[in-house]
Amino acid sequence: MSAAPADTLMVSVSGVRGIVGKDLTPELVARYAAAFGTLVRNGERPSAVVLARDARVSGPMFAAAAAAGLVSVGCRVIDAGLIPTPTAQLAVEHHGAGGGLVITASHNPIEWNALKFVGADGLFLDQPAAERLQALLAGTLPRAGWDGLGDTARDDGAVQRHLARVLALPHVDVARIRARGFTVALDCVRGAGGTIMPALLEALGCTVTAIHTETDGRFPRAPEPIPAHLGELSALVRRTGADLGIAVDPDVDRLALVDGTGAPIGEDYTLAFAVEAVLRRRAGPVVVNLSTSLVVDDVAGAYGVTVARAPVGEANVARAMRRAGAVVGGEGNGGVMLPALHLGRDAPLAAALVLDLLAATGDAVHDRVAARPRYTIVKAKAPRGADLDAAYGALIARFPDAATDRQDGLRLAWADRWLHVRPSGTEPIVRFIAEARTPDAAEALVAAAGDLVA
């Protein structure tokens, strides 16, 4: 049986993503799960695999297919059900499992779903492990006979354990946050956030007005929590007089903020706030991805810390953080990572750190934004298909004064601006991202890149 991907099936360090019913099918999911189960087996000893999903409508179907594939190669399935992705990563560590399989397409549109593969260390697979998985898919998988099949157990406590871990962090002063008595508007986009975000905010003493906490996966808006998609949350903040608004993506590893005036401030500020919350207590290395805003560098610089950059993708940032001994890091899309908890993007963690910073300083979100230099990030995309190596060479020639980084596509950097051009790992497109002090400067960089890549 072939596992060859169809046109829009995306296979990358971010997992395997496709359009439901077109190129992501139960048959393909079962085979990927069987291959992953084979990968994580410890010799002849069966391994446990945590199975989890977000709220997408196709999730139960694919979870059933994945469970069958895992059981067919002798794995024990620990079914954690509908939970956030970071909750699943923590569950892998909690159970000492051989790995985890999370069925989620994160921020992709509603017609997509995906598989994310977690290693025994709670991190997503690195490139060598992903390549071994693909090699297994290309061969004959060692299916078990009737007397060697795996079994299934339930884990209904993963969310409560995650909540307890966040609230117990020394980085989060629960009493101080509760004393501040924040009012929060919350948008969970009818994803997995409804399982954890209201409970977390209430445990932190917040008065919460929430929308879209149903976990049915019928997204009421485009699911990525970027400013253009947060109009309803902004209106809710203004209507209720909330101190801030919080939005998460469908699998709850990214968090975006709206200030008390109802203005979305951009996901990079989530990471900047979290970095400052951590560095206030302990200065240390910070690692972010190549597309993260300079606002994080500004925060780190105020504490005498430099920022290291890694290729885009949680797995890449996590391993760079481990190598650097980072105290905090993440991705500028609102994904905060704290090694003291786990090396994974975690929206509940991000919310707690943001509230801790606001409680400690007495500031409002708007005040914290105003305290730092402002930048404009401009993003664009184009269909994949151009000769990217030739385009990269042309861009380097066009901007000879820029520092170049080829870890992930091409990043050109100056002291006060940068341009990043890279093939997406989650969609069949090329992404252009630029940041500068003015919109015109950022737009000019993106336009130059678009002209040379087209």
Protein backbone atom coordinates (compact mmCIF):
# COMPACT_ATOMS: atom_id res chain seq x y z
CA MET A 1 0.00 0.00 0.00
CA SER A 2 1.44 3.35 -0.99
CA ALA A 3 1.60 6.31 1.37
CA ALA A 4 2.50 8.74 -1.39
CA PRO A 5 1.12 12.20 -0.58
CA ALA A 6 -1.38 13.95 -2.81
CA ASP A 7 -0.83 17.46 -4.16
CA THR A 8 -1.72 19.41 -1.03
CA LEU A 9 -0.50 16.98 1.64
CA MET A 10 2.17 18.87 3.58
CA VAL A 11 4.91 16.74 5.16
CA SER A 12 7.37 18.75 7.25
CA VAL A 13 8.88 19.27 10.68
CA SER A 14 5.40 20.56 11.64
CA GLY A 15 3.82 17.14 10.94
CA VAL A 16 1.52 15.94 8.17
CA ARG A 17 -1.30 18.24 7.06
CA GLY A 18 -3.92 17.87 4.38
CA ILE A 19 -7.45 18.66 3.30
CA VAL A 20 -9.95 16.24 4.82
CA GLY A 21 -11.30 13.74 2.32
CA LYS A 22 -8.99 14.89 -0.44
CA ASP A 23 -5.53 13.84 0.62
CA LEU A 24 -5.91 13.27 4.37
CA THR A 25 -8.02 10.13 4.71
CA PRO A 26 -8.62 7.57 7.47
CA GLU A 27 -6.59 5.02 5.52
CA LEU A 28 -3.59 7.34 5.34
CA VAL A 29 -3.93 8.32 9.00
CA ALA A 30 -4.03 4.66 10.08
CA ARG A 31 -0.89 3.90 8.11
CA TYR A 32 0.97 6.92 9.49
CA ALA A 33 -0.08 5.90 13.01
CA ALA A 34 1.14 2.33 12.45
CA ALA A 35 4.46 3.63 11.15
CA PHE A 36 4.79 5.96 14.14
CA GLY A 37 3.95 3.12 16.52
CA THR A 38 6.68 1.04 14.89
CA LEU A 39 9.11 3.94 15.23
CA VAL A 40 8.57 4.37 18.96
CA ARG A 41 8.58 0.69 19.90
CA ASN A 42 11.45 -0.21 22.20
CA GLY A 43 12.69 -3.35 20.46
CA GLU A 44 10.11 -6.07 21.05
CA ARG A 45 8.62 -4.34 24.08
CA PRO A 46 5.31 -2.58 23.31
CA SER A 47 5.30 1.18 23.79
CA ALA A 48 2.49 3.38 25.04
CA VAL A 49 1.43 6.25 22.78
CA VAL A 50 -0.68 9.19 23.97
CA LEU A 51 -3.42 9.92 21.44
CA ALA A 52 -5.12 13.32 21.49
CA ARG A 53 -7.07 15.61 19.18
CA ASP A 54 -8.38 19.12 18.89
CA ALA A 55 -12.03 20.00 18.28
CA ARG A 56 -12.15 19.69 14.49
CA VAL A 57 -15.18 17.86 13.13
CA SER A 58 -12.98 15.21 11.49
CA GLY A 59 -11.07 14.60 14.73
CA PRO A 60 -13.08 11.64 16.08
CA MET A 61 -12.87 9.85 12.73
CA PHE A 62 -9.13 10.30 12.48
CA ALA A 63 -8.63 9.41 16.16
CA ALA A 64 -10.37 6.10 15.56
CA ALA A 65 -8.19 5.43 12.52
CA ALA A 66 -5.03 6.37 14.41
CA ALA A 67 -5.95 4.15 17.35
CA ALA A 68 -6.46 1.22 14.99
CA GLY A 69 -3.10 1.82 13.36
CA LEU A 70 -1.29 1.99 16.69
CA VAL A 71 -2.99 -1.10 18.11
CA SER A 72 -2.20 -3.00 14.90
CA VAL A 73 1.53 -2.76 15.58
CA GLY A 74 1.24 -3.69 19.24
CA CYS A 75 1.18 -0.26 20.89
CA ARG A 76 -0.85 0.60 23.95
CA VAL A 77 -3.00 3.65 23.21
CA ILE A 78 -3.51 6.14 26.03
CA ASP A 79 -6.52 8.06 24.76
CA ALA A 80 -6.53 11.57 26.23
CA GLY A 81 -9.42 12.71 24.06
CA LEU A 82 -10.08 16.33 23.12
CA ILE A 83 -7.32 18.40 24.74
CA PRO A 84 -4.87 21.17 23.81
CA THR A 85 -1.66 20.19 22.04
CA PRO A 86 0.59 21.34 24.93
CA THR A 87 -1.56 19.28 27.30
CA ALA A 88 -0.83 16.23 25.14
CA GLN A 89 2.90 16.93 25.21
CA LEU A 90 2.82 17.08 29.00
CA ALA A 91 0.79 13.85 29.06
CA VAL A 92 3.54 12.06 27.12
CA GLU A 93 6.01 13.05 29.81
CA HIS A 94 3.59 12.21 32.63
CA HIS A 95 3.00 8.67 31.39
CA GLY A 96 6.59 8.01 30.34
CA ALA A 97 5.11 7.11 26.96
CA GLY A 98 7.11 6.22 23.92
CA GLY A 99 5.50 9.11 22.10
CA GLY A 100 2.35 11.02 21.33
CA LEU A 101 0.16 11.49 18.28
CA VAL A 102 -1.90 14.69 18.20
CA ILE A 103 -4.61 15.14 15.57
CA THR A 104 -4.72 18.87 14.92
CA ALA A 105 -4.25 21.29 12.06
CA SER A 106 -3.55 24.13 14.49
CA HIS A 107 -4.40 27.43 12.76
CA ASN A 108 -5.21 25.99 9.32
CA PRO A 109 -8.69 26.61 7.86
CA ILE A 110 -11.59 24.37 8.81
CA GLU A 111 -11.25 21.98 5.84
CA TRP A 112 -7.79 20.87 6.99
CA ASN A 113 -6.61 18.41 9.61
CA ALA A 114 -3.20 17.04 10.48
CA LEU A 115 -1.04 14.71 12.52
CA LYS A 116 1.67 15.93 14.87
CA PHE A 117 4.16 13.40 16.23
CA VAL A 118 5.66 13.78 19.70
CA GLY A 119 8.75 11.92 20.90
CA ALA A 120 9.27 10.36 24.31
CA ASP A 121 10.84 13.63 25.49
CA GLY A 122 7.62 15.55 24.86
CA LEU A 123 9.10 17.37 21.86
CA PHE A 124 7.92 17.10 18.28
CA LEU A 125 10.07 14.85 16.14
CA ASP A 126 13.31 16.26 14.79
CA GLN A 127 14.28 15.92 11.14
CA PRO A 128 16.19 12.60 11.46
CA ALA A 129 13.26 10.96 13.29
CA ALA A 130 10.82 12.36 10.72
CA GLU A 131 12.94 10.86 7.97
CA ARG A 132 12.93 7.46 9.71
CA LEU A 133 9.15 7.68 9.90
CA GLN A 134 8.95 8.31 6.15
CA ALA A 135 11.26 5.35 5.50
CA LEU A 136 8.96 3.09 7.51
CA LEU A 137 5.96 4.33 5.52
CA ALA A 138 7.68 3.30 2.30
CA GLY A 139 8.14 -0.30 3.46
CA THR A 140 6.09 -3.15 4.92
CA LEU A 141 4.96 -2.46 8.45
CA PRO A 142 5.25 -5.29 11.04
CA ARG A 143 1.59 -5.82 11.94
CA ALA A 144 0.83 -7.84 15.05
CA GLY A 145 -1.20 -11.04 15.09
CA TRP A 146 -4.26 -11.54 17.26
CA ASP A 147 -2.11 -12.29 20.30
CA GLY A 148 0.19 -9.30 19.86
CA LEU A 149 -2.27 -6.47 19.40
CA GLY A 150 -2.09 -3.42 21.62
CA ASP A 151 -4.87 -2.16 23.85
CA THR A 152 -6.45 1.15 24.84
CA ALA A 153 -6.70 3.04 28.13
CA ARG A 154 -8.27 6.40 28.95
CA ASP A 155 -6.60 9.45 30.45
CA ASP A 156 -9.24 11.89 31.67
CA GLY A 157 -6.94 13.93 33.89
CA ALA A 158 -4.55 15.57 31.42
CA VAL A 159 -6.15 19.03 31.48
CA GLN A 160 -6.29 19.20 35.27
CA ARG A 161 -2.63 18.16 35.51
CA HIS A 162 -1.70 20.86 33.00
CA LEU A 163 -3.59 23.50 34.96
CA ALA A 164 -1.96 22.43 38.21
CA ARG A 165 1.51 22.59 36.65
CA VAL A 166 1.00 26.13 35.32
CA LEU A 167 -0.43 27.41 38.61
CA ALA A 168 2.47 25.89 40.56
CA LEU A 169 5.18 27.62 38.52
CA PRO A 170 7.44 29.97 40.50
CA HIS A 171 7.12 32.34 37.54
CA VAL A 172 3.41 32.84 38.29
CA ASP A 173 2.44 34.71 41.47
CA VAL A 174 -1.12 33.46 41.76
CA ALA A 175 -1.94 35.51 44.86
CA ARG A 176 -0.75 38.75 43.26
CA ILE A 177 -2.68 38.08 40.06
CA ARG A 178 -5.83 37.26 42.02
CA ALA A 179 -5.46 40.44 44.03
CA ARG A 180 -5.36 42.49 40.82
CA GLY A 181 -8.82 41.15 39.86
CA PHE A 182 -8.47 41.34 36.10
CA THR A 183 -11.50 41.40 33.84
CA VAL A 184 -10.80 39.35 30.71
CA ALA A 185 -12.63 38.85 27.43
CA LEU A 186 -11.85 35.42 25.96
CA ASP A 187 -12.26 33.92 22.47
CA CYS A 188 -11.61 30.18 22.11
CA VAL A 189 -12.76 29.96 18.43
CA ARG A 190 -14.78 26.79 19.27
CA GLY A 191 -11.54 24.84 19.49
CA ALA A 192 -9.85 22.95 22.31
CA GLY A 193 -9.35 26.15 24.31
CA GLY A 194 -12.74 25.73 25.91
CA THR A 195 -11.38 22.76 27.85
CA ILE A 196 -8.78 24.80 29.74
CA MET A 197 -8.74 28.58 29.25
CA PRO A 198 -11.87 29.55 31.23
CA ALA A 199 -10.79 27.35 34.14
CA LEU A 200 -7.27 28.80 34.14
CA LEU A 201 -8.45 32.40 34.13
CA GLU A 202 -10.99 31.74 36.87
CA ALA A 203 -8.29 30.04 38.98
CA LEU A 204 -6.27 33.26 38.59
CA GLY A 205 -9.15 35.28 39.99
CA CYS A 206 -10.22 36.84 36.70
CA THR A 207 -13.76 37.85 35.85
CA VAL A 208 -14.21 36.22 32.44
CA THR A 209 -16.62 37.00 29.62
CA ALA A 210 -16.09 34.30 27.00
CA ILE A 211 -17.21 33.62 23.46
CA HIS A 212 -16.87 30.51 21.30
CA THR A 213 -15.93 28.13 24.13
CA GLU A 214 -17.93 25.29 22.54
CA THR A 215 -15.59 22.49 21.49
CA ASP A 216 -17.30 21.49 18.25
CA GLY A 217 -14.66 22.71 15.80
CA ARG A 218 -17.11 24.81 13.78
CA PHE A 219 -14.92 27.89 13.70
CA PRO A 220 -16.95 31.13 13.63
CA ARG A 221 -14.05 32.99 12.00
CA ALA A 222 -10.73 32.25 10.38
CA PRO A 223 -8.98 30.33 13.16
CA GLU A 224 -5.56 31.98 13.19
CA PRO A 225 -5.54 34.58 16.01
CA ILE A 226 -4.10 37.47 14.00
CA PRO A 227 -5.45 41.04 14.39
CA ALA A 228 -7.57 40.85 11.24
CA HIS A 229 -9.57 37.96 12.74
CA LEU A 230 -10.20 39.40 16.20
CA GLY A 231 -12.92 41.96 15.48
CA GLU A 232 -15.54 40.20 17.59
CA LEU A 233 -13.16 39.93 20.54
CA SER A 234 -12.22 43.60 20.20
CA ALA A 235 -15.91 44.54 20.32
CA LEU A 236 -16.39 42.34 23.38
CA VAL A 237 -13.52 44.08 25.19
CA ARG A 238 -15.05 47.49 24.49
CA ARG A 239 -18.57 46.38 25.38
CA THR A 240 -17.59 44.82 28.72
CA GLY A 241 -14.84 47.27 29.68
CA ALA A 242 -12.40 44.36 30.05
CA ASP A 243 -8.79 44.99 31.04
CA LEU A 244 -7.68 42.87 28.10
CA GLY A 245 -8.82 40.32 25.56
CA ILE A 246 -7.28 36.90 25.01
CA ALA A 247 -7.63 34.74 21.91
CA VAL A 248 -6.22 31.28 21.31
CA ASP A 249 -5.92 29.15 18.20
CA PRO A 250 -7.79 25.83 17.83
CA ASP A 251 -5.13 23.65 19.50
CA VAL A 252 -4.21 26.23 22.18
CA ASP A 253 -0.50 26.61 21.59
CA ARG A 254 -0.75 30.24 20.43
CA LEU A 255 -2.16 33.26 22.26
CA ALA A 256 -2.96 36.77 21.05
CA LEU A 257 -3.86 39.87 23.04
CA VAL A 258 -6.28 42.75 22.65
CA ASP A 259 -5.66 45.81 24.82
CA GLY A 260 -8.23 47.56 26.98
CA THR A 261 -9.24 49.91 24.17
CA GLY A 262 -10.14 46.93 21.98
CA ALA A 263 -7.03 47.17 19.77
CA PRO A 264 -5.30 43.89 18.84
CA ILE A 265 -1.60 44.43 19.55
CA GLY A 266 -0.05 41.62 17.51
CA GLU A 267 1.06 38.16 18.59
CA ASP A 268 4.72 39.11 18.99
CA TYR A 269 3.80 41.10 22.09
CA THR A 270 2.53 37.92 23.73
CA LEU A 271 6.04 36.52 23.57
CA ALA A 272 7.63 39.85 24.52
CA PHE A 273 5.45 40.11 27.65
CA ALA A 274 6.17 36.50 28.61
CA VAL A 275 9.92 36.97 28.10
CA GLU A 276 9.86 40.02 30.36
CA ALA A 277 7.84 38.18 33.01
CA VAL A 278 10.54 35.50 33.13
CA LEU A 279 13.60 37.78 32.86
CA ARG A 280 12.33 39.95 35.73
CA ARG A 281 12.96 36.94 37.96
CA ARG A 282 16.02 35.43 36.28
CA ALA A 283 18.11 36.71 33.39
CA GLY A 284 19.26 34.06 30.96
CA PRO A 285 19.41 33.08 27.30
CA VAL A 286 16.37 33.66 25.08
CA VAL A 287 15.73 31.76 21.85
CA VAL A 288 13.11 32.68 19.24
CA ASN A 289 12.52 31.85 15.60
CA LEU A 290 13.79 33.80 12.61
CA SER A 291 10.42 35.49 12.01
CA THR A 292 10.01 36.91 15.53
CA SER A 293 9.74 40.66 16.09
CA LEU A 294 12.60 42.85 17.28
CA VAL A 295 10.38 43.85 20.19
CA VAL A 296 11.61 40.67 21.91
CA ASP A 297 15.22 41.76 21.34
CA ASP A 298 14.37 45.12 22.90
CA VAL A 299 12.95 43.46 26.00
CA ALA A 300 15.88 41.07 26.32
CA GLY A 301 18.37 43.90 25.82
CA ALA A 302 16.83 45.81 28.72
CA TYR A 303 17.85 42.87 30.93
CA GLY A 304 21.32 42.51 29.41
CA VAL A 305 20.38 39.38 27.46
CA THR A 306 20.91 38.63 23.80
CA VAL A 307 18.47 36.70 21.63
CA ALA A 308 19.45 33.66 19.55
CA ARG A 309 17.36 32.68 16.53
CA ALA A 310 16.36 29.28 15.19
CA PRO A 311 14.45 28.08 12.12
CA VAL A 312 10.68 28.44 12.21
CA GLY A 313 8.90 25.48 13.81
CA GLU A 314 8.40 24.53 17.43
CA ALA A 315 10.68 21.49 17.17
CA ASN A 316 13.52 23.67 15.87
CA VAL A 317 13.11 26.31 18.56
CA ALA A 318 12.78 23.71 21.33
CA ARG A 319 16.05 22.02 20.44
CA ALA A 320 17.83 25.34 20.08
CA MET A 321 16.56 26.33 23.52
CA ARG A 322 17.85 23.08 24.96
CA ARG A 323 21.29 23.61 23.41
CA ALA A 324 21.45 27.21 24.65
CA GLY A 325 20.14 26.50 28.15
CA ALA A 326 17.45 29.12 27.50
CA VAL A 327 15.23 30.27 30.35
CA VAL A 328 12.42 31.26 27.98
CA GLY A 329 11.72 31.44 24.28
CA GLY A 330 9.19 30.71 21.62
CA GLU A 331 7.82 31.95 18.34
CA GLY A 332 6.50 35.36 17.41
CA ASN A 333 3.13 33.88 16.46
CA GLY A 334 2.12 33.95 20.12
CA GLY A 335 3.78 30.66 21.04
CA VAL A 336 5.53 30.88 24.44
CA MET A 337 7.92 28.15 25.61
CA LEU A 338 9.22 27.80 29.18
CA PRO A 339 11.67 24.96 29.92
CA ALA A 340 10.61 24.99 33.58
CA LEU A 341 7.26 23.66 32.37
CA HIS A 342 8.06 21.93 29.08
CA LEU A 343 9.68 22.74 25.75
CA GLY A 344 6.47 23.31 23.84
CA ARG A 345 4.36 26.29 22.82
CA ASP A 346 1.69 26.73 25.47
CA ALA A 347 -1.15 29.27 25.45
CA PRO A 348 -2.29 28.67 29.07
CA LEU A 349 1.29 29.28 30.16
CA ALA A 350 1.42 32.44 28.03
CA ALA A 351 -1.77 33.78 29.60
CA ALA A 352 -0.45 33.19 33.12
CA LEU A 353 2.88 34.90 32.38
CA VAL A 354 1.20 37.90 30.74
CA LEU A 355 -1.11 38.35 33.73
CA ASP A 356 1.84 37.94 36.09
CA LEU A 357 3.71 40.76 34.33
CA LEU A 358 0.69 43.06 34.36
CA ALA A 359 0.05 42.32 38.04
CA ALA A 360 3.69 42.91 38.97
CA THR A 361 4.00 46.21 37.13
CA GLY A 362 0.49 47.55 37.69
CA ASP A 363 0.40 48.45 34.02
CA ALA A 364 -2.31 47.95 31.45
CA VAL A 365 -1.53 46.15 28.19
CA HIS A 366 -1.46 49.48 26.36
CA ASP A 367 1.13 50.84 28.81
CA ARG A 368 3.47 47.91 28.22
CA VAL A 369 3.21 48.30 24.47
CA ALA A 370 3.85 52.03 24.67
CA ALA A 371 6.97 51.44 26.78
CA ARG A 372 8.81 49.79 23.86
CA PRO A 373 9.72 50.92 20.36
CA ARG A 374 7.01 50.16 17.83
CA TYR A 375 7.59 48.14 14.70
CA THR A 376 5.38 47.18 11.79
CA ILE A 377 5.34 43.63 10.50
CA VAL A 378 4.08 43.05 6.97
CA LYS A 379 3.31 39.55 5.71
CA ALA A 380 2.55 38.26 2.24
CA LYS A 381 2.54 34.93 0.48
CA ALA A 382 2.71 33.48 -3.01
CA PRO A 383 2.12 30.02 -4.50
CA ARG A 384 5.14 27.78 -4.18
CA GLY A 385 6.85 26.98 -7.47
CA ALA A 386 9.60 29.52 -8.05
CA ASP A 387 13.30 28.59 -7.98
CA LEU A 388 13.88 29.75 -4.42
CA ASP A 389 17.65 29.31 -4.44
CA ALA A 390 17.90 31.65 -7.42
CA ALA A 391 15.55 34.09 -5.71
CA TYR A 392 17.63 34.01 -2.53
CA GLY A 393 20.75 34.81 -4.53
CA ALA A 394 19.01 37.72 -6.21
CA LEU A 395 17.85 39.09 -2.86
CA ILE A 396 21.35 38.89 -1.38
CA ALA A 397 22.67 40.77 -4.41
CA ARG A 398 19.85 43.33 -4.09
CA PHE A 399 20.67 43.98 -0.41
CA PRO A 400 24.46 43.53 -0.03
CA ASP A 401 24.56 45.49 3.25
CA ALA A 402 22.30 43.04 5.09
CA ALA A 403 23.41 40.23 7.40
CA THR A 404 22.28 36.92 5.90
CA ASP A 405 20.95 33.81 7.64
CA ARG A 406 20.23 30.67 5.61
CA GLN A 407 19.03 28.39 8.42
CA ASP A 408 15.47 28.52 7.11
CA GLY A 409 15.00 30.04 3.69
CA LEU A 410 16.68 33.43 3.72
CA ARG A 411 16.67 36.10 6.40
CA LEU A 412 18.21 39.48 5.68
CA ALA A 413 18.75 41.66 8.75
CA TRP A 414 19.74 45.20 9.62
CA ALA A 415 19.83 46.88 13.03
CA ASP A 416 16.26 48.14 12.79
CA ARG A 417 14.57 45.91 10.20
CA TRP A 418 14.60 42.45 8.62
CA LEU A 419 13.13 40.38 5.81
CA HIS A 420 12.46 36.63 5.94
CA VAL A 421 11.54 34.58 2.86
CA ARG A 422 10.81 30.89 3.36
CA PRO A 423 8.68 28.02 2.08
CA SER A 424 5.82 27.31 4.46
CA GLY A 425 5.80 24.03 6.35
CA THR A 426 2.03 24.08 6.76
CA GLU A 427 0.70 25.31 3.41
CA PRO A 428 1.90 25.01 -0.25
CA ILE A 429 3.10 28.61 -0.35
CA VAL A 430 6.15 30.85 0.06
CA ARG A 431 5.94 33.32 2.92
CA PHE A 432 7.37 36.85 2.93
CA ILE A 433 7.69 38.54 6.32
CA ALA A 434 9.33 41.90 6.94
CA GLU A 435 9.59 44.18 9.95
CA ALA A 436 10.67 47.80 10.17
CA ARG A 437 10.03 50.98 12.14
CA THR A 438 7.53 52.22 9.53
CA PRO A 439 4.89 50.47 7.42
CA ASP A 440 6.40 51.88 4.23
CA ALA A 441 9.82 50.41 4.98
CA ALA A 442 8.39 46.98 5.79
CA GLU A 443 6.14 47.00 2.73
CA ALA A 444 9.06 47.95 0.52
CA LEU A 445 11.03 44.91 1.71
CA VAL A 446 8.11 42.57 1.05
CA ALA A 447 7.52 44.10 -2.38
CA ALA A 448 11.17 43.65 -3.31
CA ALA A 449 11.05 40.01 -2.24
CA GLY A 450 7.81 39.41 -4.13
CA ASP A 451 9.26 40.86 -7.32
CA LEU A 452 12.29 38.55 -7.19
CA VAL A 453 10.47 35.38 -6.12
CA ALA A 454 7.56 35.67 -8.57
